[in-house]
Amino acid sequence: MSPAPTSSVADFAPSEAQVTDYDRMHLTTYLRLLDAASEGAPWEEVARIVLGLDPAREPARARRAHETHLARARWLTEHGYRELLRSPR
């Protein structure tokens, strides 16, 4: 049996119209989510491996976190990246 996942992500990704510190801290996570989505990986697998959540134990939480973080990753590719490029951080 594999060890229980450990998560460093919030239950909901940010929804602000600007890039947040949370976004900056989770850029790698967002990229991994986008890669997994482009490969057609099952959301349950992605939630477990990328987000560190156990969809068998907490299916609603894992699904919600996956959906909101993937949506935020997509938002960053369409809108937020401009702010990231201008940011000195």
PDB file of N, CA and C in Angstrom:
ATOM      1  N   MET A   1       0.845  -1.173   0.000  1.00  0.00           N
ATOM      2  CA  MET A   1       0.000   0.000   0.000  1.00  0.00           C
ATOM      3  C   MET A   1       0.893   1.239   0.000  1.00  0.00           C
ATOM      4  N   SER A   2       0.537   2.229  -0.817  1.00  0.00           N
ATOM      5  CA  SER A   2       1.332   3.447  -0.887  1.00  0.00           C
ATOM      6  C   SER A   2       1.009   4.351   0.286  1.00  0.00           C
ATOM      7  N   PRO A   3       1.962   5.207   0.649  1.00  0.00           N
ATOM      8  CA  PRO A   3       1.721   6.109   1.770  1.00  0.00           C
ATOM      9  C   PRO A   3       0.609   7.098   1.433  1.00  0.00           C
ATOM     10  N   ALA A   4      -0.050   7.565   2.476  1.00  0.00           N
ATOM     11  CA  ALA A   4      -1.106   8.561   2.284  1.00  0.00           C
ATOM     12  C   ALA A   4      -0.496   9.841   1.729  1.00  0.00           C
ATOM     13  N   PRO A   5      -1.183  10.455   0.783  1.00  0.00           N
ATOM     14  CA  PRO A   5      -0.650  11.696   0.220  1.00  0.00           C
ATOM     15  C   PRO A   5      -0.662  12.818   1.248  1.00  0.00           C
ATOM     16  N   THR A   6       0.207  13.767   1.031  1.00  0.00           N
ATOM     17  CA  THR A   6       0.223  14.967   1.861  1.00  0.00           C
ATOM     18  C   THR A   6       0.069  16.160   0.938  1.00  0.00           C
ATOM     19  N   SER A   7      -0.771  17.079   1.334  1.00  0.00           N
ATOM     20  CA  SER A   7      -1.108  18.182   0.457  1.00  0.00           C
ATOM     21  C   SER A   7      -0.603  19.513   0.986  1.00  0.00           C
ATOM     22  N   SER A   8      -0.137  20.341   0.060  1.00  0.00           N
ATOM     23  CA  SER A   8       0.238  21.704   0.404  1.00  0.00           C
ATOM     24  C   SER A   8      -0.646  22.690  -0.346  1.00  0.00           C
ATOM     25  N   VAL A   9      -1.737  22.182  -0.921  1.00  0.00           N
ATOM     26  CA  VAL A   9      -2.638  23.059  -1.654  1.00  0.00           C
ATOM     27  C   VAL A   9      -3.889  23.339  -0.839  1.00  0.00           C
ATOM     28  N   ALA A  10      -4.479  24.485  -1.110  1.00  0.00           N
ATOM     29  CA  ALA A  10      -5.738  24.857  -0.469  1.00  0.00           C
ATOM     30  C   ALA A  10      -6.887  24.077  -1.106  1.00  0.00           C
ATOM     31  N   ASP A  11      -8.005  24.041  -0.432  1.00  0.00           N
ATOM     32  CA  ASP A  11      -9.175  23.354  -0.987  1.00  0.00           C
ATOM     33  C   ASP A  11      -9.684  24.053  -2.240  1.00  0.00           C
ATOM     34  N   PHE A  12      -9.512  25.360  -2.301  1.00  0.00           N
ATOM     35  CA  PHE A  12      -9.913  26.150  -3.466  1.00  0.00           C
ATOM     36  C   PHE A  12      -8.722  26.964  -3.939  1.00  0.00           C
ATOM     37  N   ALA A  13      -8.507  26.999  -5.234  1.00  0.00           N
ATOM     38  CA  ALA A  13      -7.490  27.886  -5.798  1.00  0.00           C
ATOM     39  C   ALA A  13      -8.027  29.312  -5.750  1.00  0.00           C
ATOM     40  N   PRO A  14      -7.135  30.298  -5.790  1.00  0.00           N
ATOM     41  CA  PRO A  14      -7.598  31.692  -5.802  1.00  0.00           C
ATOM     42  C   PRO A  14      -8.494  31.971  -7.009  1.00  0.00           C
ATOM     43  N   SER A  15      -9.325  32.978  -6.859  1.00  0.00           N
ATOM     44  CA  SER A  15     -10.187  33.381  -7.980  1.00  0.00           C
ATOM     45  C   SER A  15     -10.087  34.877  -8.252  1.00  0.00           C
ATOM     46  N   GLU A  16      -9.126  35.535  -7.623  1.00  0.00           N
ATOM     47  CA  GLU A  16      -8.930  36.965  -7.840  1.00  0.00           C
ATOM     48  C   GLU A  16      -8.567  37.237  -9.302  1.00  0.00           C
ATOM     49  N   ALA A  17      -8.788  38.457  -9.720  1.00  0.00           N
ATOM     50  CA  ALA A  17      -8.479  38.852 -11.098  1.00  0.00           C
ATOM     51  C   ALA A  17      -7.028  39.285 -11.255  1.00  0.00           C
ATOM     52  N   GLN A  18      -6.207  39.037 -10.252  1.00  0.00           N
ATOM     53  CA  GLN A  18      -4.783  39.304 -10.346  1.00  0.00           C
ATOM     54  C   GLN A  18      -4.027  38.106  -9.763  1.00  0.00           C
ATOM     55  N   VAL A  19      -2.770  38.005 -10.120  1.00  0.00           N
ATOM     56  CA  VAL A  19      -1.928  36.915  -9.634  1.00  0.00           C
ATOM     57  C   VAL A  19      -1.684  37.130  -8.139  1.00  0.00           C
ATOM     58  N   THR A  20      -1.790  36.061  -7.380  1.00  0.00           N
ATOM     59  CA  THR A  20      -1.615  36.129  -5.930  1.00  0.00           C
ATOM     60  C   THR A  20      -0.285  35.490  -5.518  1.00  0.00           C
ATOM     61  N   ASP A  21       0.090  35.710  -4.271  1.00  0.00           N
ATOM     62  CA  ASP A  21       1.276  35.031  -3.740  1.00  0.00           C
ATOM     63  C   ASP A  21       1.080  33.515  -3.786  1.00  0.00           C
ATOM     64  N   TYR A  22      -0.147  33.061  -3.515  1.00  0.00           N
ATOM     65  CA  TYR A  22      -0.449  31.627  -3.594  1.00  0.00           C
ATOM     66  C   TYR A  22      -0.146  31.107  -5.003  1.00  0.00           C
ATOM     67  N   ASP A  23      -0.570  31.866  -6.022  1.00  0.00           N
ATOM     68  CA  ASP A  23      -0.280  31.466  -7.403  1.00  0.00           C
ATOM     69  C   ASP A  23       1.219  31.339  -7.625  1.00  0.00           C
ATOM     70  N   ARG A  24       1.958  32.314  -7.177  1.00  0.00           N
ATOM     71  CA  ARG A  24       3.418  32.292  -7.367  1.00  0.00           C
ATOM     72  C   ARG A  24       4.042  31.080  -6.676  1.00  0.00           C
ATOM     73  N   MET A  25       3.534  30.748  -5.504  1.00  0.00           N
ATOM     74  CA  MET A  25       4.070  29.604  -4.765  1.00  0.00           C
ATOM     75  C   MET A  25       3.710  28.274  -5.422  1.00  0.00           C
ATOM     76  N   HIS A  26       2.657  28.256  -6.227  1.00  0.00           N
ATOM     77  CA  HIS A  26       2.172  27.002  -6.802  1.00  0.00           C
ATOM     78  C   HIS A  26       2.297  26.938  -8.320  1.00  0.00           C
ATOM     79  N   LEU A  27       3.186  27.716  -8.899  1.00  0.00           N
ATOM     80  CA  LEU A  27       3.357  27.696 -10.355  1.00  0.00           C
ATOM     81  C   LEU A  27       3.713  26.303 -10.873  1.00  0.00           C
ATOM     82  N   THR A  28       4.586  25.618 -10.180  1.00  0.00           N
ATOM     83  CA  THR A  28       4.962  24.267 -10.602  1.00  0.00           C
ATOM     84  C   THR A  28       3.754  23.333 -10.555  1.00  0.00           C
ATOM     85  N   THR A  29       2.947  23.465  -9.542  1.00  0.00           N
ATOM     86  CA  THR A  29       1.730  22.652  -9.440  1.00  0.00           C
ATOM     87  C   THR A  29       0.820  22.935 -10.621  1.00  0.00           C
ATOM     88  N   TYR A  30       0.634  24.199 -10.948  1.00  0.00           N
ATOM     89  CA  TYR A  30      -0.216  24.563 -12.086  1.00  0.00           C
ATOM     90  C   TYR A  30       0.328  23.962 -13.383  1.00  0.00           C
ATOM     91  N   LEU A  31       1.624  24.026 -13.575  1.00  0.00           N
ATOM     92  CA  LEU A  31       2.221  23.452 -14.789  1.00  0.00           C
ATOM     93  C   LEU A  31       2.007  21.946 -14.852  1.00  0.00           C
ATOM     94  N   ARG A  32       2.164  21.285 -13.719  1.00  0.00           N
ATOM     95  CA  ARG A  32       1.953  19.836 -13.677  1.00  0.00           C
ATOM     96  C   ARG A  32       0.496  19.486 -13.972  1.00  0.00           C
ATOM     97  N   LEU A  33      -0.436  20.307 -13.471  1.00  0.00           N
ATOM     98  CA  LEU A  33      -1.856  20.074 -13.761  1.00  0.00           C
ATOM     99  C   LEU A  33      -2.145  20.232 -15.249  1.00  0.00           C
ATOM    100  N   LEU A  34      -1.577  21.264 -15.858  1.00  0.00           N
ATOM    101  CA  LEU A  34      -1.776  21.477 -17.289  1.00  0.00           C
ATOM    102  C   LEU A  34      -1.190  20.330 -18.104  1.00  0.00           C
ATOM    103  N   ASP A  35      -0.005  19.863 -17.726  1.00  0.00           N
ATOM    104  CA  ASP A  35       0.603  18.715 -18.419  1.00  0.00           C
ATOM    105  C   ASP A  35      -0.281  17.480 -18.303  1.00  0.00           C
ATOM    106  N   ALA A  36      -0.756  17.216 -17.090  1.00  0.00           N
ATOM    107  CA  ALA A  36      -1.592  16.033 -16.874  1.00  0.00           C
ATOM    108  C   ALA A  36      -2.888  16.132 -17.680  1.00  0.00           C
ATOM    109  N   ALA A  37      -3.481  17.320 -17.713  1.00  0.00           N
ATOM    110  CA  ALA A  37      -4.720  17.503 -18.475  1.00  0.00           C
ATOM    111  C   ALA A  37      -4.483  17.288 -19.965  1.00  0.00           C
ATOM    112  N   SER A  38      -3.361  17.780 -20.460  1.00  0.00           N
ATOM    113  CA  SER A  38      -3.075  17.616 -21.892  1.00  0.00           C
ATOM    114  C   SER A  38      -2.824  16.160 -22.250  1.00  0.00           C
ATOM    115  N   GLU A  39      -2.391  15.377 -21.286  1.00  0.00           N
ATOM    116  CA  GLU A  39      -2.159  13.951 -21.513  1.00  0.00           C
ATOM    117  C   GLU A  39      -3.405  13.113 -21.243  1.00  0.00           C
ATOM    118  N   GLY A  40      -4.460  13.741 -20.749  1.00  0.00           N
ATOM    119  CA  GLY A  40      -5.692  13.007 -20.470  1.00  0.00           C
ATOM    120  C   GLY A  40      -5.645  12.150 -19.229  1.00  0.00           C
ATOM    121  N   ALA A  41      -4.799  12.505 -18.280  1.00  0.00           N
ATOM    122  CA  ALA A  41      -4.688  11.727 -17.042  1.00  0.00           C
ATOM    123  C   ALA A  41      -5.981  11.818 -16.235  1.00  0.00           C
ATOM    124  N   PRO A  42      -6.381  10.737 -15.606  1.00  0.00           N
ATOM    125  CA  PRO A  42      -7.590  10.761 -14.772  1.00  0.00           C
ATOM    126  C   PRO A  42      -7.424  11.749 -13.614  1.00  0.00           C
ATOM    127  N   TRP A  43      -8.474  12.511 -13.327  1.00  0.00           N
ATOM    128  CA  TRP A  43      -8.377  13.531 -12.289  1.00  0.00           C
ATOM    129  C   TRP A  43      -8.008  12.923 -10.942  1.00  0.00           C
ATOM    130  N   GLU A  44      -8.476  11.706 -10.664  1.00  0.00           N
ATOM    131  CA  GLU A  44      -8.175  11.074  -9.370  1.00  0.00           C
ATOM    132  C   GLU A  44      -6.664  10.854  -9.210  1.00  0.00           C
ATOM    133  N   GLU A  45      -6.039  10.409 -10.277  1.00  0.00           N
ATOM    134  CA  GLU A  45      -4.593  10.183 -10.250  1.00  0.00           C
ATOM    135  C   GLU A  45      -3.847  11.507 -10.064  1.00  0.00           C
ATOM    136  N   VAL A  46      -4.301  12.528 -10.770  1.00  0.00           N
ATOM    137  CA  VAL A  46      -3.674  13.847 -10.687  1.00  0.00           C
ATOM    138  C   VAL A  46      -3.853  14.432  -9.288  1.00  0.00           C
ATOM    139  N   ALA A  47      -5.046  14.294  -8.731  1.00  0.00           N
ATOM    140  CA  ALA A  47      -5.289  14.801  -7.373  1.00  0.00           C
ATOM    141  C   ALA A  47      -4.344  14.141  -6.380  1.00  0.00           C
ATOM    142  N   ARG A  48      -4.138  12.859  -6.551  1.00  0.00           N
ATOM    143  CA  ARG A  48      -3.276  12.120  -5.617  1.00  0.00           C
ATOM    144  C   ARG A  48      -1.803  12.489  -5.810  1.00  0.00           C
ATOM    145  N   ILE A  49      -1.335  12.465  -7.042  1.00  0.00           N
ATOM    146  CA  ILE A  49       0.092  12.655  -7.307  1.00  0.00           C
ATOM    147  C   ILE A  49       0.502  14.125  -7.262  1.00  0.00           C
ATOM    148  N   VAL A  50      -0.259  14.980  -7.911  1.00  0.00           N
ATOM    149  CA  VAL A  50       0.134  16.388  -8.032  1.00  0.00           C
ATOM    150  C   VAL A  50      -0.323  17.208  -6.837  1.00  0.00           C
ATOM    151  N   LEU A  51      -1.572  17.002  -6.409  1.00  0.00           N
ATOM    152  CA  LEU A  51      -2.110  17.819  -5.324  1.00  0.00           C
ATOM    153  C   LEU A  51      -1.901  17.206  -3.946  1.00  0.00           C
ATOM    154  N   GLY A  52      -1.565  15.934  -3.900  1.00  0.00           N
ATOM    155  CA  GLY A  52      -1.339  15.282  -2.609  1.00  0.00           C
ATOM    156  C   GLY A  52      -2.610  15.018  -1.838  1.00  0.00           C
ATOM    157  N   LEU A  53      -3.715  14.845  -2.553  1.00  0.00           N
ATOM    158  CA  LEU A  53      -5.004  14.576  -1.917  1.00  0.00           C
ATOM    159  C   LEU A  53      -5.448  13.160  -2.252  1.00  0.00           C
ATOM    160  N   ASP A  54      -6.183  12.548  -1.343  1.00  0.00           N
ATOM    161  CA  ASP A  54      -6.643  11.177  -1.552  1.00  0.00           C
ATOM    162  C   ASP A  54      -8.106  11.181  -1.978  1.00  0.00           C
ATOM    163  N   PRO A  55      -8.368  10.958  -3.267  1.00  0.00           N
ATOM    164  CA  PRO A  55      -9.753  10.985  -3.734  1.00  0.00           C
ATOM    165  C   PRO A  55     -10.607   9.839  -3.202  1.00  0.00           C
ATOM    166  N   ALA A  56      -9.991   8.779  -2.716  1.00  0.00           N
ATOM    167  CA  ALA A  56     -10.765   7.684  -2.131  1.00  0.00           C
ATOM    168  C   ALA A  56     -11.299   8.081  -0.756  1.00  0.00           C
ATOM    169  N   ARG A  57     -10.509   8.812  -0.001  1.00  0.00           N
ATOM    170  CA  ARG A  57     -10.909   9.247   1.345  1.00  0.00           C
ATOM    171  C   ARG A  57     -11.755  10.510   1.329  1.00  0.00           C
ATOM    172  N   GLU A  58     -11.398  11.442   0.454  1.00  0.00           N
ATOM    173  CA  GLU A  58     -12.079  12.736   0.402  1.00  0.00           C
ATOM    174  C   GLU A  58     -12.407  13.096  -1.047  1.00  0.00           C
ATOM    175  N   PRO A  59     -13.346  12.368  -1.646  1.00  0.00           N
ATOM    176  CA  PRO A  59     -13.604  12.580  -3.071  1.00  0.00           C
ATOM    177  C   PRO A  59     -14.070  13.996  -3.412  1.00  0.00           C
ATOM    178  N   ALA A  60     -14.934  14.569  -2.621  1.00  0.00           N
ATOM    179  CA  ALA A  60     -15.442  15.915  -2.934  1.00  0.00           C
ATOM    180  C   ALA A  60     -14.331  16.952  -2.813  1.00  0.00           C
ATOM    181  N   ARG A  61     -13.545  16.855  -1.767  1.00  0.00           N
ATOM    182  CA  ARG A  61     -12.439  17.802  -1.567  1.00  0.00           C
ATOM    183  C   ARG A  61     -11.408  17.670  -2.687  1.00  0.00           C
ATOM    184  N   ALA A  62     -11.044  16.445  -3.014  1.00  0.00           N
ATOM    185  CA  ALA A  62     -10.040  16.215  -4.053  1.00  0.00           C
ATOM    186  C   ALA A  62     -10.539  16.718  -5.403  1.00  0.00           C
ATOM    187  N   ARG A  63     -11.794  16.436  -5.714  1.00  0.00           N
ATOM    188  CA  ARG A  63     -12.361  16.880  -7.001  1.00  0.00           C
ATOM    189  C   ARG A  63     -12.410  18.406  -7.076  1.00  0.00           C
ATOM    190  N   ARG A  64     -12.871  19.030  -6.001  1.00  0.00           N
ATOM    191  CA  ARG A  64     -12.974  20.492  -5.936  1.00  0.00           C
ATOM    192  C   ARG A  64     -11.599  21.141  -6.083  1.00  0.00           C
ATOM    193  N   ALA A  65     -10.625  20.617  -5.363  1.00  0.00           N
ATOM    194  CA  ALA A  65      -9.269  21.174  -5.443  1.00  0.00           C
ATOM    195  C   ALA A  65      -8.707  21.000  -6.851  1.00  0.00           C
ATOM    196  N   HIS A  66      -8.911  19.831  -7.424  1.00  0.00           N
ATOM    197  CA  HIS A  66      -8.426  19.593  -8.783  1.00  0.00           C
ATOM    198  C   HIS A  66      -9.079  20.558  -9.767  1.00  0.00           C
ATOM    199  N   GLU A  67     -10.389  20.661  -9.720  1.00  0.00           N
ATOM    200  CA  GLU A  67     -11.110  21.515 -10.664  1.00  0.00           C
ATOM    201  C   GLU A  67     -10.713  22.985 -10.527  1.00  0.00           C
ATOM    202  N   THR A  68     -10.637  23.477  -9.289  1.00  0.00           N
ATOM    203  CA  THR A  68     -10.338  24.907  -9.111  1.00  0.00           C
ATOM    204  C   THR A  68      -8.885  25.220  -9.436  1.00  0.00           C
ATOM    205  N   HIS A  69      -7.981  24.327  -9.120  1.00  0.00           N
ATOM    206  CA  HIS A  69      -6.569  24.567  -9.434  1.00  0.00           C
ATOM    207  C   HIS A  69      -6.296  24.457 -10.933  1.00  0.00           C
ATOM    208  N   LEU A  70      -6.954  23.520 -11.597  1.00  0.00           N
ATOM    209  CA  LEU A  70      -6.795  23.423 -13.044  1.00  0.00           C
ATOM    210  C   LEU A  70      -7.393  24.653 -13.725  1.00  0.00           C
ATOM    211  N   ALA A  71      -8.534  25.101 -13.249  1.00  0.00           N
ATOM    212  CA  ALA A  71      -9.134  26.317 -13.811  1.00  0.00           C
ATOM    213  C   ALA A  71      -8.208  27.518 -13.598  1.00  0.00           C
ATOM    214  N   ARG A  72      -7.600  27.590 -12.437  1.00  0.00           N
ATOM    215  CA  ARG A  72      -6.678  28.698 -12.172  1.00  0.00           C
ATOM    216  C   ARG A  72      -5.443  28.599 -13.060  1.00  0.00           C
ATOM    217  N   ALA A  73      -4.946  27.410 -13.254  1.00  0.00           N
ATOM    218  CA  ALA A  73      -3.795  27.215 -14.146  1.00  0.00           C
ATOM    219  C   ALA A  73      -4.140  27.692 -15.553  1.00  0.00           C
ATOM    220  N   ARG A  74      -5.320  27.360 -15.999  1.00  0.00           N
ATOM    221  CA  ARG A  74      -5.747  27.803 -17.336  1.00  0.00           C
ATOM    222  C   ARG A  74      -5.913  29.318 -17.381  1.00  0.00           C
ATOM    223  N   TRP A  75      -6.447  29.906 -16.324  1.00  0.00           N
ATOM    224  CA  TRP A  75      -6.588  31.359 -16.256  1.00  0.00           C
ATOM    225  C   TRP A  75      -5.209  32.025 -16.367  1.00  0.00           C
ATOM    226  N   LEU A  76      -4.237  31.461 -15.675  1.00  0.00           N
ATOM    227  CA  LEU A  76      -2.885  32.029 -15.722  1.00  0.00           C
ATOM    228  C   LEU A  76      -2.316  31.984 -17.139  1.00  0.00           C
ATOM    229  N   THR A  77      -2.619  30.935 -17.882  1.00  0.00           N
ATOM    230  CA  THR A  77      -2.092  30.843 -19.247  1.00  0.00           C
ATOM    231  C   THR A  77      -2.773  31.830 -20.185  1.00  0.00           C
ATOM    232  N   GLU A  78      -3.974  32.240 -19.849  1.00  0.00           N
ATOM    233  CA  GLU A  78      -4.727  33.151 -20.712  1.00  0.00           C
ATOM    234  C   GLU A  78      -4.631  34.610 -20.282  1.00  0.00           C
ATOM    235  N   HIS A  79      -4.516  34.855 -18.982  1.00  0.00           N
ATOM    236  CA  HIS A  79      -4.575  36.220 -18.466  1.00  0.00           C
ATOM    237  C   HIS A  79      -3.432  36.553 -17.507  1.00  0.00           C
ATOM    238  N   GLY A  80      -3.250  35.728 -16.513  1.00  0.00           N
ATOM    239  CA  GLY A  80      -2.308  36.028 -15.449  1.00  0.00           C
ATOM    240  C   GLY A  80      -0.851  36.066 -15.850  1.00  0.00           C
ATOM    241  N   TYR A  81      -0.509  35.389 -16.940  1.00  0.00           N
ATOM    242  CA  TYR A  81       0.895  35.343 -17.339  1.00  0.00           C
ATOM    243  C   TYR A  81       1.448  36.734 -17.617  1.00  0.00           C
ATOM    244  N   ARG A  82       0.611  37.641 -18.098  1.00  0.00           N
ATOM    245  CA  ARG A  82       1.079  39.008 -18.382  1.00  0.00           C
ATOM    246  C   ARG A  82       1.622  39.669 -17.109  1.00  0.00           C
ATOM    247  N   GLU A  83       0.867  39.500 -16.030  1.00  0.00           N
ATOM    248  CA  GLU A  83       1.300  40.061 -14.753  1.00  0.00           C
ATOM    249  C   GLU A  83       2.571  39.390 -14.260  1.00  0.00           C
ATOM    250  N   LEU A  84       2.672  38.091 -14.442  1.00  0.00           N
ATOM    251  CA  LEU A  84       3.877  37.380 -14.027  1.00  0.00           C
ATOM    252  C   LEU A  84       5.102  37.866 -14.789  1.00  0.00           C
ATOM    253  N   LEU A  85       4.929  38.124 -16.072  1.00  0.00           N
ATOM    254  CA  LEU A  85       6.053  38.596 -16.888  1.00  0.00           C
ATOM    255  C   LEU A  85       6.511  39.998 -16.483  1.00  0.00           C
ATOM    256  N   ARG A  86       5.573  40.828 -16.043  1.00  0.00           N
ATOM    257  CA  ARG A  86       5.902  42.197 -15.623  1.00  0.00           C
ATOM    258  C   ARG A  86       6.444  42.252 -14.200  1.00  0.00           C
ATOM    259  N   SER A  87       6.191  41.235 -13.428  1.00  0.00           N
ATOM    260  CA  SER A  87       6.549  41.220 -12.011  1.00  0.00           C
ATOM    261  C   SER A  87       8.039  41.021 -11.814  1.00  0.00           C
ATOM    262  N   PRO A  88       8.658  41.824 -10.925  1.00  0.00           N
ATOM    263  CA  PRO A  88      10.086  41.646 -10.648  1.00  0.00           C
ATOM    264  C   PRO A  88      10.385  40.426  -9.780  1.00  0.00           C
ATOM    265  N   ARG A  89       9.371  39.781  -9.232  1.00  0.00           N
ATOM    266  CA  ARG A  89       9.581  38.636  -8.345  1.00  0.00           C
ATOM    267  C   ARG A  89      10.057  37.439  -9.099  1.00  0.00           C
TER     268      ARG A  89
END
